[in-house]
């Protein structure tokens, strides 16, 4: 089949097809229902590695909407409509896990100004609510059945932090038939102003110093793990700052996000620990920063042990995870289509580089993008995170047109043949 040229005009013609026009009008009509689903799911705690209660709720909800939903061995929720999951060429995913979790259901609530407030409401309650919106919308529009059958809905685990993209890794590794001819749309957060087409590489490390510990006065001279760790942080940041500021190969960053150690002010700690996040647009920068970390840990260990009294510290560097890089080719049909849709909807989007579930398929050379599901949000990864559903319909229309255009390229019979 010859490649069809996708333009804003052809997208407008596609969106005017009766079935799709009706589906686009469905979203504002069901605004309250979508908001209620988001409130309910966000009240179910789902910190990374503990997503099962939310996953089970999500699976049941998709089942009540008529989808064939199940949990895979990784804990992901997979849902298809009247077909086998390996026959669906369009994957739409949103991650289940959150950095923080509500201690009580009441910690997630709608504020008087209409915002949904609480941990995970924006990242990624907005993406998960979009999955439920599409599940119900497709189920209620019989004329869109061929389109629904082309879609696999995935609510996946392990996107945040030390989850290391485990859910998406499992999906891509265990569904090779599915991944051979597929487009993957990752819904992460609300913003429609970005299209993530480049995967931001990252590595996470845990640095641990251990020793005998002791009394701050009686055992003075015993090597101190906290002192050694402090030297690592100071030396690494001073050197890495110059490297990241003047990076020759692309932007990079570093962050010591967790520091632990010590029991009292008058005790020499027996251990000290820090966790470091490294990110770069170019994997070569990560190699250099990783090598720098090894060097400064060795220097700190030697420095602290230099005058030790027959007792020495030991050090260990453990890699907690690595996210691979990758990039969608500029000539990719997926990119051409989303840009045509954005032009049609007057969305001024930009291409960006970020760390999302799309890292995995992009690293494998599969067509994938990460986009927002509409609305606005803020305070991500904090207890005061919020999501404003006003404007959500624009993001949902965008996703629907993207699904339809991708399906049209594969011969969806109900669409306008001019696309």
Protein backbone atom coordinates (compact mmCIF):
# COMPACT_ATOMS: atom_id res chain seq x y z
CA UNK A 1 0.00 0.00 0.00
CA UNK A 2 1.52 3.40 -0.96
CA UNK A 3 2.17 5.82 1.87
CA UNK A 4 -0.55 8.45 2.30
CA UNK A 5 0.37 12.05 2.90
CA UNK A 6 -0.93 13.27 6.26
CA UNK A 7 -1.71 16.99 6.51
CA UNK A 8 -3.77 19.19 8.84
CA UNK A 9 -6.46 19.23 6.13
CA UNK A 10 -6.60 15.44 5.89
CA UNK A 11 -6.79 15.26 9.69
CA UNK A 12 -9.73 17.67 9.59
CA UNK A 13 -11.45 15.42 7.05
CA UNK A 14 -10.80 12.40 9.23
CA UNK A 15 -12.17 14.13 12.33
CA UNK A 16 -15.34 15.07 10.43
CA UNK A 17 -16.27 11.41 9.85
CA UNK A 18 -19.58 10.96 11.67
CA UNK A 19 -18.33 8.30 14.10
CA UNK A 20 -15.28 10.33 15.11
CA UNK A 21 -17.19 13.59 15.32
CA UNK A 22 -19.63 11.96 17.73
CA UNK A 23 -16.78 10.48 19.77
CA UNK A 24 -15.13 13.89 20.14
CA UNK A 25 -18.39 15.34 21.45
CA UNK A 26 -18.61 12.50 23.99
CA UNK A 27 -15.64 13.74 26.04
CA UNK A 28 -17.15 17.05 27.25
CA UNK A 29 -20.51 15.34 27.87
CA UNK A 30 -18.87 12.85 30.23
CA UNK A 31 -16.54 15.30 31.98
CA UNK A 32 -17.98 14.63 35.43
CA UNK A 33 -17.70 10.85 35.04
CA UNK A 34 -14.05 11.09 33.98
CA UNK A 35 -13.28 13.37 36.94
CA UNK A 36 -14.94 10.90 39.32
CA UNK A 37 -12.88 8.01 37.95
CA UNK A 38 -9.69 9.98 38.44
CA UNK A 39 -10.60 10.87 42.03
CA UNK A 40 -11.40 7.25 42.87
CA UNK A 41 -8.25 5.75 41.35
CA UNK A 42 -5.95 8.42 42.85
CA UNK A 43 -7.27 7.58 46.32
CA UNK A 44 -5.85 4.05 45.95
CA UNK A 45 -2.19 4.20 47.06
CA UNK A 46 0.19 2.91 44.39
CA UNK A 47 3.81 3.71 45.27
CA UNK A 48 6.37 2.00 43.09
CA UNK A 49 6.55 -1.77 43.81
CA UNK A 50 3.14 -1.62 45.56
CA UNK A 51 0.80 -0.97 42.63
CA UNK A 52 -1.26 -4.18 42.95
CA UNK A 53 -4.37 -2.76 44.70
CA UNK A 54 -4.70 -0.02 42.09
CA UNK A 55 -3.94 -2.47 39.27
CA UNK A 56 -6.67 -4.85 40.47
CA UNK A 57 -9.16 -1.97 40.74
CA UNK A 58 -8.22 -0.80 37.25
CA UNK A 59 -8.58 -4.29 35.82
CA UNK A 60 -12.04 -4.69 37.32
CA UNK A 61 -13.15 -1.28 36.06
CA UNK A 62 -12.05 -2.06 32.50
CA UNK A 63 -13.90 -5.35 32.72
CA UNK A 64 -17.15 -3.61 33.69
CA UNK A 65 -16.72 -1.42 30.60
CA UNK A 66 -16.67 -4.48 28.35
CA UNK A 67 -12.93 -4.92 27.83
CA UNK A 68 -10.99 -8.16 28.10
CA UNK A 69 -8.69 -7.13 30.94
CA UNK A 70 -6.06 -9.12 32.79
CA UNK A 71 -2.89 -8.73 34.83
CA UNK A 72 0.38 -10.00 33.38
CA UNK A 73 3.21 -11.47 35.44
CA UNK A 74 4.84 -8.07 35.90
CA UNK A 75 1.64 -6.60 37.36
CA UNK A 76 0.65 -4.60 34.26
CA UNK A 77 -3.01 -4.33 33.31
CA UNK A 78 -3.62 -5.29 29.66
CA UNK A 79 -7.01 -4.73 28.03
CA UNK A 80 -8.24 -5.44 24.51
CA UNK A 81 -11.71 -5.23 22.98
CA UNK A 82 -12.90 -8.48 21.46
CA UNK A 83 -9.50 -9.54 20.16
CA UNK A 84 -6.19 -10.99 21.29
CA UNK A 85 -3.76 -8.48 22.78
CA UNK A 86 -1.06 -9.54 20.31
CA UNK A 87 -3.30 -8.50 17.41
CA UNK A 88 -3.52 -4.84 18.51
CA UNK A 89 -1.17 -2.58 16.53
CA UNK A 90 -1.70 0.53 18.71
CA UNK A 91 -0.61 0.45 22.35
CA UNK A 92 -1.78 3.22 24.68
CA UNK A 93 -0.11 3.13 28.08
CA UNK A 94 -0.12 5.08 31.33
CA UNK A 95 1.84 4.17 34.44
CA UNK A 96 0.08 3.12 37.62
CA UNK A 97 2.75 4.01 40.17
CA UNK A 98 3.38 7.28 41.99
CA UNK A 99 6.37 8.73 43.84
CA UNK A 100 4.24 9.59 46.87
CA UNK A 101 1.02 7.97 48.06
CA UNK A 102 -1.92 9.38 50.04
CA UNK A 103 -1.97 8.27 53.67
CA UNK A 104 -5.79 8.50 53.68
CA UNK A 105 -8.39 8.66 50.90
CA UNK A 106 -9.29 12.16 52.11
CA UNK A 107 -5.80 13.36 51.17
CA UNK A 108 -7.00 13.39 47.56
CA UNK A 109 -9.85 15.82 46.99
CA UNK A 110 -11.38 18.40 44.68
CA UNK A 111 -10.59 21.94 45.82
CA UNK A 112 -13.12 24.81 45.49
CA UNK A 113 -11.30 26.06 42.37
CA UNK A 114 -11.92 22.74 40.60
CA UNK A 115 -8.42 21.31 40.97
CA UNK A 116 -7.91 17.71 42.00
CA UNK A 117 -5.31 17.89 44.78
CA UNK A 118 -3.14 15.11 46.18
CA UNK A 119 -0.18 12.83 45.41
CA UNK A 120 -0.22 11.39 41.91
CA UNK A 121 -3.23 13.34 40.66
CA UNK A 122 -1.32 14.79 37.73
CA UNK A 123 1.49 12.23 37.41
CA UNK A 124 -0.09 9.99 36.43
CA UNK A 125 -3.73 10.13 37.47
CA UNK A 126 -4.40 12.18 34.36
CA UNK A 127 -3.01 9.48 32.06
CA UNK A 128 -4.88 6.68 33.80
CA UNK A 129 -8.16 8.62 33.68
CA UNK A 130 -7.64 9.04 29.94
CA UNK A 131 -7.37 5.26 29.52
CA UNK A 132 -10.70 4.80 31.30
CA UNK A 133 -12.29 7.55 29.20
CA UNK A 134 -11.25 5.80 25.99
CA UNK A 135 -12.35 2.42 27.31
CA UNK A 136 -15.90 3.67 27.95
CA UNK A 137 -16.08 5.87 24.86
CA UNK A 138 -15.16 2.98 22.54
CA UNK A 139 -17.55 0.63 24.34
CA UNK A 140 -20.46 3.04 23.81
CA UNK A 141 -19.82 3.73 20.11
CA UNK A 142 -20.53 0.55 18.16
CA UNK A 143 -19.52 2.23 14.90
CA UNK A 144 -15.98 2.54 16.30
CA UNK A 145 -15.66 -1.19 16.99
CA UNK A 146 -13.02 -1.76 14.25
CA UNK A 147 -10.99 1.09 15.76
CA UNK A 148 -11.39 -0.23 19.32
CA UNK A 149 -10.10 -3.62 18.18
CA UNK A 150 -6.87 -2.01 17.00
CA UNK A 151 -6.06 -0.70 20.50
CA UNK A 152 -4.36 -2.32 23.47
CA UNK A 153 -4.79 -0.37 26.71
CA UNK A 154 -1.94 -0.82 29.19
CA UNK A 155 -1.76 0.45 32.77
CA UNK A 156 1.81 -0.44 33.63
CA UNK A 157 3.89 -0.68 36.79
CA UNK A 158 7.39 0.48 37.68
CA UNK A 159 7.78 3.78 35.84
CA UNK A 160 8.87 5.98 38.71
CA UNK A 161 12.25 6.03 40.48
CA UNK A 162 13.75 2.66 41.22
CA UNK A 163 10.99 0.91 39.32
CA UNK A 164 13.41 1.29 36.40
CA UNK A 165 10.62 1.03 33.79
CA UNK A 166 10.10 -2.60 34.78
CA UNK A 167 6.52 -2.79 33.50
CA UNK A 168 7.34 -1.48 30.03
CA UNK A 169 10.48 -3.62 29.90
CA UNK A 170 8.37 -6.72 30.55
CA UNK A 171 5.78 -5.71 27.97
CA UNK A 172 8.37 -5.16 25.23
CA UNK A 173 10.34 -8.29 26.14
CA UNK A 174 7.39 -10.67 26.34
CA UNK A 175 5.19 -9.43 23.51
CA UNK A 176 7.59 -9.70 20.60
CA UNK A 177 4.74 -10.47 18.18
CA UNK A 178 2.92 -7.36 19.35
CA UNK A 179 6.00 -5.17 19.09
CA UNK A 180 6.95 -6.07 15.52
CA UNK A 181 4.34 -3.81 13.92
CA UNK A 182 3.16 -1.42 16.55
CA UNK A 183 2.92 2.23 17.53
CA UNK A 184 3.23 2.99 21.24
CA UNK A 185 1.56 6.06 22.76
CA UNK A 186 2.66 6.78 26.32
CA UNK A 187 0.33 9.08 28.28
CA UNK A 188 2.34 10.74 31.04
CA UNK A 189 1.06 13.86 32.77
CA UNK A 190 -1.36 16.44 31.36
CA UNK A 191 0.61 18.86 29.17
CA UNK A 192 -0.18 18.89 25.45
CA UNK A 193 2.66 21.32 24.80
CA UNK A 194 5.31 18.67 24.37
CA UNK A 195 5.88 15.56 22.28
CA UNK A 196 8.66 13.43 23.74
CA UNK A 197 10.45 11.78 20.84
CA UNK A 198 13.90 11.35 22.43
CA UNK A 199 14.56 9.12 25.41
CA UNK A 200 16.68 10.69 28.13
CA UNK A 201 19.32 8.21 29.30
CA UNK A 202 19.82 7.85 33.03
CA UNK A 203 21.61 5.83 35.68
CA UNK A 204 20.90 5.57 39.39
CA UNK A 205 23.52 4.60 41.98
CA UNK A 206 23.62 3.81 45.68
CA UNK A 207 26.90 4.66 47.46
CA UNK A 208 27.50 3.06 50.85
CA UNK A 209 30.37 3.51 53.34
CA UNK A 210 30.55 1.13 56.30
CA UNK A 211 32.82 0.93 59.38
CA UNK A 212 32.80 -0.04 63.07
CA UNK A 213 31.27 3.19 64.38
CA UNK A 214 31.89 4.31 67.95
CA UNK A 215 31.77 7.08 70.53
CA UNK A 216 32.48 10.59 69.29
CA UNK A 217 35.04 11.19 72.09
CA UNK A 218 36.34 7.82 73.24
CA UNK A 219 36.73 6.48 69.70
CA UNK A 220 37.89 9.66 68.04
CA UNK A 221 40.09 8.74 65.09
CA UNK A 222 37.85 5.91 63.96
CA UNK A 223 37.04 6.57 60.28
CA UNK A 224 33.65 8.18 59.81
CA UNK A 225 31.36 7.01 56.94
CA UNK A 226 29.44 10.30 56.96
CA UNK A 227 32.65 12.30 56.56
CA UNK A 228 33.66 10.08 53.63
CA UNK A 229 30.23 10.45 52.02
CA UNK A 230 30.34 14.22 52.47
CA UNK A 231 33.66 14.30 50.63
CA UNK A 232 32.14 12.27 47.78
CA UNK A 233 29.21 14.65 47.40
CA UNK A 234 31.38 17.76 47.54
CA UNK A 235 34.05 16.47 45.19
CA UNK A 236 31.61 14.98 42.70
CA UNK A 237 29.36 18.03 42.48
CA UNK A 238 32.28 20.45 42.11
CA UNK A 239 33.72 18.48 39.21
CA UNK A 240 30.47 17.42 37.57
CA UNK A 241 29.09 20.96 37.62
CA UNK A 242 31.72 22.07 35.13
CA UNK A 243 31.13 19.03 32.96
CA UNK A 244 27.35 19.42 32.85
CA UNK A 245 27.43 23.20 32.38
CA UNK A 246 29.73 22.96 29.40
CA UNK A 247 28.66 19.56 28.12
CA UNK A 248 30.04 19.06 24.65
CA UNK A 249 27.77 16.16 23.75
CA UNK A 250 24.43 17.31 25.11
CA UNK A 251 22.78 18.41 28.30
CA UNK A 252 23.34 16.35 31.46
CA UNK A 253 22.37 16.54 35.13
CA UNK A 254 23.13 14.96 38.50
CA UNK A 255 21.25 14.83 41.79
CA UNK A 256 21.96 13.32 45.21
CA UNK A 257 18.37 12.73 46.21
CA UNK A 258 18.72 10.62 49.37
CA UNK A 259 21.30 10.78 52.18
CA UNK A 260 21.15 8.50 55.22
CA UNK A 261 23.47 7.79 58.14
CA UNK A 262 24.02 8.16 61.83
CA UNK A 263 22.03 7.53 65.00
CA UNK A 264 22.98 10.40 67.35
CA UNK A 265 25.08 13.53 67.37
CA UNK A 266 27.68 11.99 69.70
CA UNK A 267 28.10 8.70 67.83
CA UNK A 268 30.43 7.89 64.94
CA UNK A 269 28.10 6.28 62.39
CA UNK A 270 28.63 2.67 61.37
CA UNK A 271 27.29 3.39 57.88
CA UNK A 272 26.26 6.14 55.52
CA UNK A 273 24.35 5.94 52.26
CA UNK A 274 23.48 8.23 49.37
CA UNK A 275 21.52 7.74 46.15
CA UNK A 276 22.55 9.54 42.99
CA UNK A 277 20.57 10.18 39.80
CA UNK A 278 22.50 10.88 36.58
CA UNK A 279 20.84 11.92 33.31
CA UNK A 280 22.10 12.92 29.90
CA UNK A 281 20.95 13.40 26.33
CA UNK A 282 24.14 11.58 25.30
CA UNK A 283 25.06 8.21 26.86
CA UNK A 284 28.76 9.10 26.61
CA UNK A 285 28.24 11.75 29.29
CA UNK A 286 26.82 9.09 31.60
CA UNK A 287 29.93 6.97 31.13
CA UNK A 288 32.13 9.93 32.11
CA UNK A 289 30.01 10.80 35.15
CA UNK A 290 29.95 7.16 36.27
CA UNK A 291 33.73 7.01 36.00
CA UNK A 292 33.97 10.23 38.02
CA UNK A 293 31.81 8.71 40.76
CA UNK A 294 34.10 5.69 41.05
CA UNK A 295 37.14 7.97 41.28
CA UNK A 296 35.78 10.26 44.01
CA UNK A 297 34.57 7.29 46.10
CA UNK A 298 38.06 5.79 45.95
CA UNK A 299 39.59 9.15 46.91
CA UNK A 300 37.19 9.61 49.83
CA UNK A 301 37.89 6.11 51.09
CA UNK A 302 41.65 6.64 50.95
CA UNK A 303 41.38 10.03 52.63
CA UNK A 304 39.25 8.81 55.54
CA UNK A 305 41.37 5.68 56.08
CA UNK A 306 44.69 7.51 55.92
CA UNK A 307 44.95 8.15 59.67
CA UNK A 308 42.69 5.35 60.87
CA UNK A 309 43.71 3.39 64.00
CA UNK A 310 43.96 -0.16 62.64
CA UNK A 311 40.32 0.05 61.52
CA UNK A 312 39.28 0.90 58.01
CA UNK A 313 36.15 1.88 56.15
CA UNK A 314 34.83 -0.05 53.17
CA UNK A 315 32.81 1.35 50.27
CA UNK A 316 30.36 -0.06 47.75
CA UNK A 317 28.77 1.41 44.62
CA UNK A 318 25.58 -0.33 43.50
CA UNK A 319 23.77 0.48 40.26
CA UNK A 320 20.06 0.75 41.06
CA UNK A 321 18.90 1.11 37.49
CA UNK A 322 19.67 2.34 34.00
CA UNK A 323 17.27 3.80 31.47
CA UNK A 324 18.38 3.46 27.84
CA UNK A 325 18.32 6.24 25.28
CA UNK A 326 16.79 6.31 21.82
CA UNK A 327 15.15 8.67 19.37
CA UNK A 328 12.21 8.64 16.99
CA UNK A 329 13.49 9.28 13.44
CA UNK A 330 12.48 12.67 12.05
CA UNK A 331 10.80 10.96 9.06
CA UNK A 332 8.69 8.64 11.24
CA UNK A 333 5.01 8.49 10.19
CA UNK A 334 4.08 8.68 13.87
CA UNK A 335 5.82 12.04 14.19
CA UNK A 336 4.31 13.33 10.94
CA UNK A 337 0.82 12.41 12.12
CA UNK A 338 1.04 14.00 15.59
CA UNK A 339 2.44 17.21 14.09
CA UNK A 340 -0.42 17.35 11.57
CA UNK A 341 -2.95 16.80 14.36
CA UNK A 342 -1.40 19.54 16.48
CA UNK A 343 -1.54 21.94 13.55
CA UNK A 344 -5.20 21.05 13.03
CA UNK A 345 -6.04 21.58 16.71
CA UNK A 346 -3.89 24.74 17.01
CA UNK A 347 -1.67 23.10 19.62
CA UNK A 348 1.78 24.70 19.71
CA UNK A 349 3.75 21.66 20.74
CA UNK A 350 7.50 21.17 20.77
CA UNK A 351 9.66 18.08 20.51
CA UNK A 352 11.54 17.29 23.70
CA UNK A 353 13.81 14.82 25.43
CA UNK A 354 12.60 13.21 28.67
CA UNK A 355 12.73 10.04 30.72
CA UNK A 356 9.44 8.13 30.36
CA UNK A 357 8.15 4.66 29.60
CA UNK A 358 8.82 5.50 25.94
CA UNK A 359 12.55 5.03 26.67
CA UNK A 360 12.22 1.27 26.28
CA UNK A 361 10.49 1.04 22.88
CA UNK A 362 12.57 3.93 21.52
CA UNK A 363 15.76 2.14 22.57
CA UNK A 364 14.52 -0.91 20.62
CA UNK A 365 13.86 1.13 17.49
CA UNK A 366 10.07 0.96 17.85
CA UNK A 367 7.87 3.97 16.98
CA UNK A 368 6.86 5.55 20.29
CA UNK A 369 6.10 8.96 21.73
CA UNK A 370 5.12 10.28 25.15
CA UNK A 371 2.42 12.96 25.28
CA UNK A 372 0.12 14.54 27.86
CA UNK A 373 -3.56 13.69 28.19
CA UNK A 374 -4.88 17.24 28.54
CA UNK A 375 -5.61 19.70 31.32
CA UNK A 376 -2.91 21.25 33.48
CA UNK A 377 -1.00 20.20 36.56
CA UNK A 378 1.75 21.10 38.98
CA UNK A 379 3.66 20.10 42.09
CA UNK A 380 4.56 16.68 40.70
CA UNK A 381 6.29 14.34 43.18
CA UNK A 382 5.17 16.44 46.16
CA UNK A 383 2.30 16.06 48.68
CA UNK A 384 0.68 19.17 47.15
CA UNK A 385 0.48 17.87 43.59
CA UNK A 386 -2.59 19.06 41.67
CA UNK A 387 -4.45 18.55 38.43
CA UNK A 388 -6.88 20.95 36.75
CA UNK A 389 -9.24 19.08 34.39
CA UNK A 390 -10.25 22.24 32.53
CA UNK A 391 -9.06 21.69 28.96
CA UNK A 392 -8.81 17.90 29.28
CA UNK A 393 -11.06 17.43 26.22
CA UNK A 394 -8.45 18.92 23.90
CA UNK A 395 -5.90 16.32 24.96
CA UNK A 396 -8.42 13.49 24.57
CA UNK A 397 -9.46 14.68 21.09
CA UNK A 398 -5.81 14.79 20.13
CA UNK A 399 -5.26 11.21 21.26
CA UNK A 400 -8.42 9.99 19.49
CA UNK A 401 -7.38 11.57 16.19
CA UNK A 402 -3.93 10.05 16.59
CA UNK A 403 -5.42 6.58 17.11
CA UNK A 404 -7.73 7.03 14.13
CA UNK A 405 -4.96 8.28 11.84
CA UNK A 406 -2.67 5.41 12.80
CA UNK A 407 -5.48 2.90 12.26
CA UNK A 408 -6.31 4.52 8.92
CA UNK A 409 -2.77 3.83 7.73
CA UNK A 410 -3.50 0.18 8.45
CA UNK A 411 -6.76 0.17 6.53
CA UNK A 412 -9.40 1.05 9.12
CA UNK A 413 -12.47 0.81 6.84
CA UNK A 414 -14.63 3.47 8.47
CA UNK A 415 -12.36 6.43 7.81
CA UNK A 416 -12.18 8.89 4.97
CA UNK A 417 -10.13 7.33 2.13
CA UNK A 418 -8.42 10.62 1.31
CA UNK A 419 -6.14 10.43 4.40
